């Protein structure tokens, strides 16, 4: 079993979300896998990546003047 750092998992999750490889609704499956394999640093990276991904989406919608309501 290889363990990844928080930053490696962060980069992977952020890239996967940004490119559409995974959807927000699928993150729980990834988190469950990380927990089952005791990769707790990846759990932290996943959360940080999701937060930054949501911020990026907000920035894009604000820049384009798109309402999220």
PDB file of N, CA and C in Angstrom:
ATOM      1  N   UNK A   1       0.858  -1.174   0.000  1.00  0.00           N
ATOM      2  CA  UNK A   1       0.000   0.000   0.000  1.00  0.00           C
ATOM      3  C   UNK A   1       0.898   1.228   0.000  1.00  0.00           C
ATOM      4  N   UNK A   2       0.631   2.107  -0.930  1.00  0.00           N
ATOM      5  CA  UNK A   2       1.384   3.354  -0.943  1.00  0.00           C
ATOM      6  C   UNK A   2       0.493   4.474  -0.433  1.00  0.00           C
ATOM      7  N   UNK A   3       1.079   5.357   0.324  1.00  0.00           N
ATOM      8  CA  UNK A   3       0.348   6.478   0.873  1.00  0.00           C
ATOM      9  C   UNK A   3       0.799   7.749   0.184  1.00  0.00           C
ATOM     10  N   UNK A   4      -0.153   8.622  -0.052  1.00  0.00           N
ATOM     11  CA  UNK A   4       0.127   9.873  -0.727  1.00  0.00           C
ATOM     12  C   UNK A   4       0.070  11.024   0.271  1.00  0.00           C
ATOM     13  N   UNK A   5       0.750  12.091  -0.062  1.00  0.00           N
ATOM     14  CA  UNK A   5       0.736  13.261   0.812  1.00  0.00           C
ATOM     15  C   UNK A   5      -0.556  14.048   0.597  1.00  0.00           C
ATOM     16  N   UNK A   6      -0.833  14.920   1.532  1.00  0.00           N
ATOM     17  CA  UNK A   6      -2.002  15.789   1.426  1.00  0.00           C
ATOM     18  C   UNK A   6      -1.931  16.602   0.138  1.00  0.00           C
ATOM     19  N   UNK A   7      -0.755  17.130  -0.178  1.00  0.00           N
ATOM     20  CA  UNK A   7      -0.618  17.976  -1.369  1.00  0.00           C
ATOM     21  C   UNK A   7      -0.811  17.179  -2.660  1.00  0.00           C
ATOM     22  N   UNK A   8      -0.366  15.931  -2.687  1.00  0.00           N
ATOM     23  CA  UNK A   8      -0.564  15.098  -3.874  1.00  0.00           C
ATOM     24  C   UNK A   8      -2.042  14.811  -4.102  1.00  0.00           C
ATOM     25  N   UNK A   9      -2.733  14.474  -3.032  1.00  0.00           N
ATOM     26  CA  UNK A   9      -4.165  14.199  -3.144  1.00  0.00           C
ATOM     27  C   UNK A   9      -4.940  15.462  -3.482  1.00  0.00           C
ATOM     28  N   UNK A  10      -4.535  16.573  -2.891  1.00  0.00           N
ATOM     29  CA  UNK A  10      -5.161  17.864  -3.189  1.00  0.00           C
ATOM     30  C   UNK A  10      -5.071  18.136  -4.691  1.00  0.00           C
ATOM     31  N   UNK A  11      -3.881  18.014  -5.239  1.00  0.00           N
ATOM     32  CA  UNK A  11      -3.671  18.302  -6.665  1.00  0.00           C
ATOM     33  C   UNK A  11      -4.489  17.354  -7.538  1.00  0.00           C
ATOM     34  N   UNK A  12      -4.528  16.081  -7.187  1.00  0.00           N
ATOM     35  CA  UNK A  12      -5.283  15.105  -7.967  1.00  0.00           C
ATOM     36  C   UNK A  12      -6.777  15.394  -7.936  1.00  0.00           C
ATOM     37  N   UNK A  13      -7.309  15.666  -6.755  1.00  0.00           N
ATOM     38  CA  UNK A  13      -8.744  15.904  -6.620  1.00  0.00           C
ATOM     39  C   UNK A  13      -9.133  17.210  -7.304  1.00  0.00           C
ATOM     40  N   UNK A  14      -8.352  18.253  -7.125  1.00  0.00           N
ATOM     41  CA  UNK A  14      -8.662  19.531  -7.757  1.00  0.00           C
ATOM     42  C   UNK A  14      -8.647  19.403  -9.279  1.00  0.00           C
ATOM     43  N   UNK A  15      -7.674  18.710  -9.808  1.00  0.00           N
ATOM     44  CA  UNK A  15      -7.596  18.494 -11.253  1.00  0.00           C
ATOM     45  C   UNK A  15      -8.785  17.664 -11.730  1.00  0.00           C
ATOM     46  N   UNK A  16      -9.137  16.623 -10.999  1.00  0.00           N
ATOM     47  CA  UNK A  16     -10.252  15.759 -11.402  1.00  0.00           C
ATOM     48  C   UNK A  16     -11.574  16.524 -11.390  1.00  0.00           C
ATOM     49  N   UNK A  17     -11.780  17.359 -10.391  1.00  0.00           N
ATOM     50  CA  UNK A  17     -12.996  18.174 -10.342  1.00  0.00           C
ATOM     51  C   UNK A  17     -13.005  19.208 -11.461  1.00  0.00           C
ATOM     52  N   UNK A  18     -11.886  19.867 -11.657  1.00  0.00           N
ATOM     53  CA  UNK A  18     -11.801  20.943 -12.650  1.00  0.00           C
ATOM     54  C   UNK A  18     -11.982  20.448 -14.076  1.00  0.00           C
ATOM     55  N   UNK A  19     -11.563  19.244 -14.343  1.00  0.00           N
ATOM     56  CA  UNK A  19     -11.659  18.703 -15.700  1.00  0.00           C
ATOM     57  C   UNK A  19     -12.903  17.849 -15.905  1.00  0.00           C
ATOM     58  N   UNK A  20     -13.665  17.638 -14.854  1.00  0.00           N
ATOM     59  CA  UNK A  20     -14.897  16.867 -14.974  1.00  0.00           C
ATOM     60  C   UNK A  20     -14.711  15.360 -14.899  1.00  0.00           C
ATOM     61  N   UNK A  21     -13.536  14.922 -14.496  1.00  0.00           N
ATOM     62  CA  UNK A  21     -13.306  13.481 -14.363  1.00  0.00           C
ATOM     63  C   UNK A  21     -14.202  12.907 -13.272  1.00  0.00           C
ATOM     64  N   UNK A  22     -14.361  13.665 -12.192  1.00  0.00           N
ATOM     65  CA  UNK A  22     -15.303  13.279 -11.141  1.00  0.00           C
ATOM     66  C   UNK A  22     -16.248  14.442 -10.880  1.00  0.00           C
ATOM     67  N   UNK A  23     -17.423  14.117 -10.422  1.00  0.00           N
ATOM     68  CA  UNK A  23     -18.423  15.117 -10.067  1.00  0.00           C
ATOM     69  C   UNK A  23     -18.408  15.309  -8.554  1.00  0.00           C
ATOM     70  N   UNK A  24     -18.926  16.434  -8.121  1.00  0.00           N
ATOM     71  CA  UNK A  24     -19.010  16.703  -6.684  1.00  0.00           C
ATOM     72  C   UNK A  24     -19.751  15.585  -5.953  1.00  0.00           C
ATOM     73  N   UNK A  25     -20.776  15.053  -6.599  1.00  0.00           N
ATOM     74  CA  UNK A  25     -21.594  14.021  -5.967  1.00  0.00           C
ATOM     75  C   UNK A  25     -20.850  12.703  -5.780  1.00  0.00           C
ATOM     76  N   UNK A  26     -19.713  12.549  -6.426  1.00  0.00           N
ATOM     77  CA  UNK A  26     -18.925  11.325  -6.319  1.00  0.00           C
ATOM     78  C   UNK A  26     -17.807  11.421  -5.282  1.00  0.00           C
ATOM     79  N   UNK A  27     -17.606  12.589  -4.724  1.00  0.00           N
ATOM     80  CA  UNK A  27     -16.507  12.769  -3.773  1.00  0.00           C
ATOM     81  C   UNK A  27     -16.638  11.868  -2.544  1.00  0.00           C
ATOM     82  N   UNK A  28     -17.872  11.580  -2.149  1.00  0.00           N
ATOM     83  CA  UNK A  28     -18.042  10.743  -0.969  1.00  0.00           C
ATOM     84  C   UNK A  28     -17.448   9.351  -1.188  1.00  0.00           C
ATOM     85  N   UNK A  29     -17.493   8.852  -2.422  1.00  0.00           N
ATOM     86  CA  UNK A  29     -16.908   7.548  -2.718  1.00  0.00           C
ATOM     87  C   UNK A  29     -15.388   7.584  -2.563  1.00  0.00           C
ATOM     88  N   UNK A  30     -14.794   8.652  -3.034  1.00  0.00           N
ATOM     89  CA  UNK A  30     -13.350   8.809  -2.910  1.00  0.00           C
ATOM     90  C   UNK A  30     -12.940   8.948  -1.451  1.00  0.00           C
ATOM     91  N   UNK A  31     -13.709   9.759  -0.700  1.00  0.00           N
ATOM     92  CA  UNK A  31     -13.430   9.917   0.727  1.00  0.00           C
ATOM     93  C   UNK A  31     -13.564   8.581   1.453  1.00  0.00           C
ATOM     94  N   UNK A  32     -14.581   7.834   1.110  1.00  0.00           N
ATOM     95  CA  UNK A  32     -14.794   6.520   1.733  1.00  0.00           C
ATOM     96  C   UNK A  32     -13.599   5.604   1.460  1.00  0.00           C
ATOM     97  N   UNK A  33     -13.109   5.621   0.232  1.00  0.00           N
ATOM     98  CA  UNK A  33     -11.928   4.811  -0.115  1.00  0.00           C
ATOM     99  C   UNK A  33     -10.715   5.235   0.710  1.00  0.00           C
ATOM    100  N   UNK A  34     -10.490   6.543   0.796  1.00  0.00           N
ATOM    101  CA  UNK A  34      -9.353   7.038   1.570  1.00  0.00           C
ATOM    102  C   UNK A  34      -9.469   6.627   3.035  1.00  0.00           C
ATOM    103  N   UNK A  35     -10.669   6.697   3.583  1.00  0.00           N
ATOM    104  CA  UNK A  35     -10.858   6.309   4.984  1.00  0.00           C
ATOM    105  C   UNK A  35     -10.638   4.814   5.173  1.00  0.00           C
ATOM    106  N   UNK A  36     -11.169   4.000   4.277  1.00  0.00           N
ATOM    107  CA  UNK A  36     -11.039   2.550   4.387  1.00  0.00           C
ATOM    108  C   UNK A  36      -9.595   2.097   4.261  1.00  0.00           C
ATOM    109  N   UNK A  37      -8.806   2.844   3.504  1.00  0.00           N
ATOM    110  CA  UNK A  37      -7.391   2.492   3.332  1.00  0.00           C
ATOM    111  C   UNK A  37      -6.488   3.307   4.262  1.00  0.00           C
ATOM    112  N   UNK A  38      -7.115   4.005   5.192  1.00  0.00           N
ATOM    113  CA  UNK A  38      -6.419   4.784   6.224  1.00  0.00           C
ATOM    114  C   UNK A  38      -5.473   5.834   5.646  1.00  0.00           C
ATOM    115  N   UNK A  39      -5.898   6.466   4.579  1.00  0.00           N
ATOM    116  CA  UNK A  39      -5.121   7.545   3.968  1.00  0.00           C
ATOM    117  C   UNK A  39      -5.722   8.875   4.399  1.00  0.00           C
ATOM    118  N   UNK A  40      -5.525   9.178   5.657  1.00  0.00           N
ATOM    119  CA  UNK A  40      -6.166  10.339   6.253  1.00  0.00           C
ATOM    120  C   UNK A  40      -5.627  11.662   5.715  1.00  0.00           C
ATOM    121  N   UNK A  41      -4.383  11.682   5.294  1.00  0.00           N
ATOM    122  CA  UNK A  41      -3.852  12.898   4.681  1.00  0.00           C
ATOM    123  C   UNK A  41      -4.570  13.181   3.370  1.00  0.00           C
ATOM    124  N   UNK A  42      -4.970  12.129   2.668  1.00  0.00           N
ATOM    125  CA  UNK A  42      -5.728  12.321   1.428  1.00  0.00           C
ATOM    126  C   UNK A  42      -7.122  12.850   1.727  1.00  0.00           C
ATOM    127  N   UNK A  43      -7.690  12.444   2.835  1.00  0.00           N
ATOM    128  CA  UNK A  43      -8.991  12.998   3.231  1.00  0.00           C
ATOM    129  C   UNK A  43      -8.865  14.508   3.413  1.00  0.00           C
ATOM    130  N   UNK A  44      -7.786  14.939   4.039  1.00  0.00           N
ATOM    131  CA  UNK A  44      -7.560  16.371   4.243  1.00  0.00           C
ATOM    132  C   UNK A  44      -7.351  17.075   2.902  1.00  0.00           C
ATOM    133  N   UNK A  45      -6.592  16.449   2.023  1.00  0.00           N
ATOM    134  CA  UNK A  45      -6.360  17.028   0.694  1.00  0.00           C
ATOM    135  C   UNK A  45      -7.642  17.132  -0.110  1.00  0.00           C
ATOM    136  N   UNK A  46      -8.503  16.134   0.003  1.00  0.00           N
ATOM    137  CA  UNK A  46      -9.782  16.146  -0.689  1.00  0.00           C
ATOM    138  C   UNK A  46     -10.635  17.318  -0.227  1.00  0.00           C
ATOM    139  N   UNK A  47     -10.719  17.513   1.078  1.00  0.00           N
ATOM    140  CA  UNK A  47     -11.527  18.610   1.623  1.00  0.00           C
ATOM    141  C   UNK A  47     -10.978  19.957   1.165  1.00  0.00           C
ATOM    142  N   UNK A  48      -9.675  20.129   1.252  1.00  0.00           N
ATOM    143  CA  UNK A  48      -9.058  21.393   0.839  1.00  0.00           C
ATOM    144  C   UNK A  48      -9.286  21.648  -0.652  1.00  0.00           C
ATOM    145  N   UNK A  49      -9.177  20.605  -1.455  1.00  0.00           N
ATOM    146  CA  UNK A  49      -9.380  20.747  -2.900  1.00  0.00           C
ATOM    147  C   UNK A  49     -10.831  21.111  -3.211  1.00  0.00           C
ATOM    148  N   UNK A  50     -11.756  20.502  -2.508  1.00  0.00           N
ATOM    149  CA  UNK A  50     -13.170  20.802  -2.738  1.00  0.00           C
ATOM    150  C   UNK A  50     -13.476  22.258  -2.383  1.00  0.00           C
ATOM    151  N   UNK A  51     -12.948  22.718  -1.279  1.00  0.00           N
ATOM    152  CA  UNK A  51     -13.158  24.113  -0.870  1.00  0.00           C
ATOM    153  C   UNK A  51     -12.598  25.064  -1.931  1.00  0.00           C
ATOM    154  N   UNK A  52     -11.383  24.795  -2.396  1.00  0.00           N
ATOM    155  CA  UNK A  52     -10.776  25.653  -3.416  1.00  0.00           C
ATOM    156  C   UNK A  52     -11.524  25.560  -4.747  1.00  0.00           C
ATOM    157  N   UNK A  53     -12.016  24.386  -5.077  1.00  0.00           N
ATOM    158  CA  UNK A  53     -12.791  24.205  -6.308  1.00  0.00           C
ATOM    159  C   UNK A  53     -14.058  25.054  -6.264  1.00  0.00           C
ATOM    160  N   UNK A  54     -14.754  25.038  -5.136  1.00  0.00           N
ATOM    161  CA  UNK A  54     -15.967  25.840  -4.991  1.00  0.00           C
ATOM    162  C   UNK A  54     -15.643  27.335  -5.089  1.00  0.00           C
ATOM    163  N   UNK A  55     -14.510  27.754  -4.515  1.00  0.00           N
ATOM    164  CA  UNK A  55     -14.094  29.151  -4.619  1.00  0.00           C
ATOM    165  C   UNK A  55     -13.812  29.525  -6.075  1.00  0.00           C
ATOM    166  N   UNK A  56     -13.170  28.626  -6.805  1.00  0.00           N
ATOM    167  CA  UNK A  56     -12.894  28.871  -8.220  1.00  0.00           C
ATOM    168  C   UNK A  56     -14.188  29.029  -9.007  1.00  0.00           C
ATOM    169  N   UNK A  57     -15.168  28.191  -8.717  1.00  0.00           N
ATOM    170  CA  UNK A  57     -16.460  28.295  -9.402  1.00  0.00           C
ATOM    171  C   UNK A  57     -17.130  29.626  -9.104  1.00  0.00           C
ATOM    172  N   UNK A  58     -17.066  30.052  -7.847  1.00  0.00           N
ATOM    173  CA  UNK A  58     -17.647  31.337  -7.462  1.00  0.00           C
ATOM    174  C   UNK A  58     -16.950  32.477  -8.190  1.00  0.00           C
ATOM    175  N   UNK A  59     -15.633  32.410  -8.274  1.00  0.00           N
ATOM    176  CA  UNK A  59     -14.877  33.458  -8.958  1.00  0.00           C
ATOM    177  C   UNK A  59     -15.259  33.528 -10.431  1.00  0.00           C
ATOM    178  N   UNK A  60     -15.420  32.397 -11.076  1.00  0.00           N
ATOM    179  CA  UNK A  60     -15.769  32.360 -12.493  1.00  0.00           C
ATOM    180  C   UNK A  60     -17.159  32.929 -12.712  1.00  0.00           C
ATOM    181  N   UNK A  61     -18.116  32.534 -11.874  1.00  0.00           N
ATOM    182  CA  UNK A  61     -19.469  33.042 -12.053  1.00  0.00           C
ATOM    183  C   UNK A  61     -19.545  34.528 -11.761  1.00  0.00           C
ATOM    184  N   UNK A  62     -18.758  35.019 -10.795  1.00  0.00           N
ATOM    185  CA  UNK A  62     -18.738  36.455 -10.525  1.00  0.00           C
ATOM    186  C   UNK A  62     -18.108  37.216 -11.668  1.00  0.00           C
ATOM    187  N   UNK A  63     -17.028  36.673 -12.244  1.00  0.00           N
ATOM    188  CA  UNK A  63     -16.357  37.335 -13.365  1.00  0.00           C
ATOM    189  C   UNK A  63     -17.278  37.435 -14.585  1.00  0.00           C
ATOM    190  N   UNK A  64     -18.110  36.442 -14.789  1.00  0.00           N
ATOM    191  CA  UNK A  64     -18.999  36.440 -15.942  1.00  0.00           C
ATOM    192  C   UNK A  64     -20.342  37.082 -15.632  1.00  0.00           C
ATOM    193  N   UNK A  65     -20.545  37.448 -14.374  1.00  0.00           N
ATOM    194  CA  UNK A  65     -21.812  38.073 -14.006  1.00  0.00           C
ATOM    195  C   UNK A  65     -22.969  37.103 -13.990  1.00  0.00           C
ATOM    196  N   UNK A  66     -22.676  35.842 -13.747  1.00  0.00           N
ATOM    197  CA  UNK A  66     -23.705  34.802 -13.747  1.00  0.00           C
ATOM    198  C   UNK A  66     -24.277  34.670 -12.338  1.00  0.00           C
ATOM    199  N   UNK A  67     -25.577  34.623 -12.251  1.00  0.00           N
ATOM    200  CA  UNK A  67     -26.240  34.440 -10.960  1.00  0.00           C
ATOM    201  C   UNK A  67     -26.317  32.952 -10.642  1.00  0.00           C
ATOM    202  N   UNK A  68     -26.007  32.598  -9.409  1.00  0.00           N
ATOM    203  CA  UNK A  68     -26.088  31.192  -8.997  1.00  0.00           C
ATOM    204  C   UNK A  68     -27.390  30.911  -8.266  1.00  0.00           C
ATOM    205  N   UNK A  69     -28.304  31.877  -8.238  1.00  0.00           N
ATOM    206  CA  UNK A  69     -29.601  31.689  -7.568  1.00  0.00           C
ATOM    207  C   UNK A  69     -30.550  30.876  -8.411  1.00  0.00           C
TER     208      UNK A  69
END
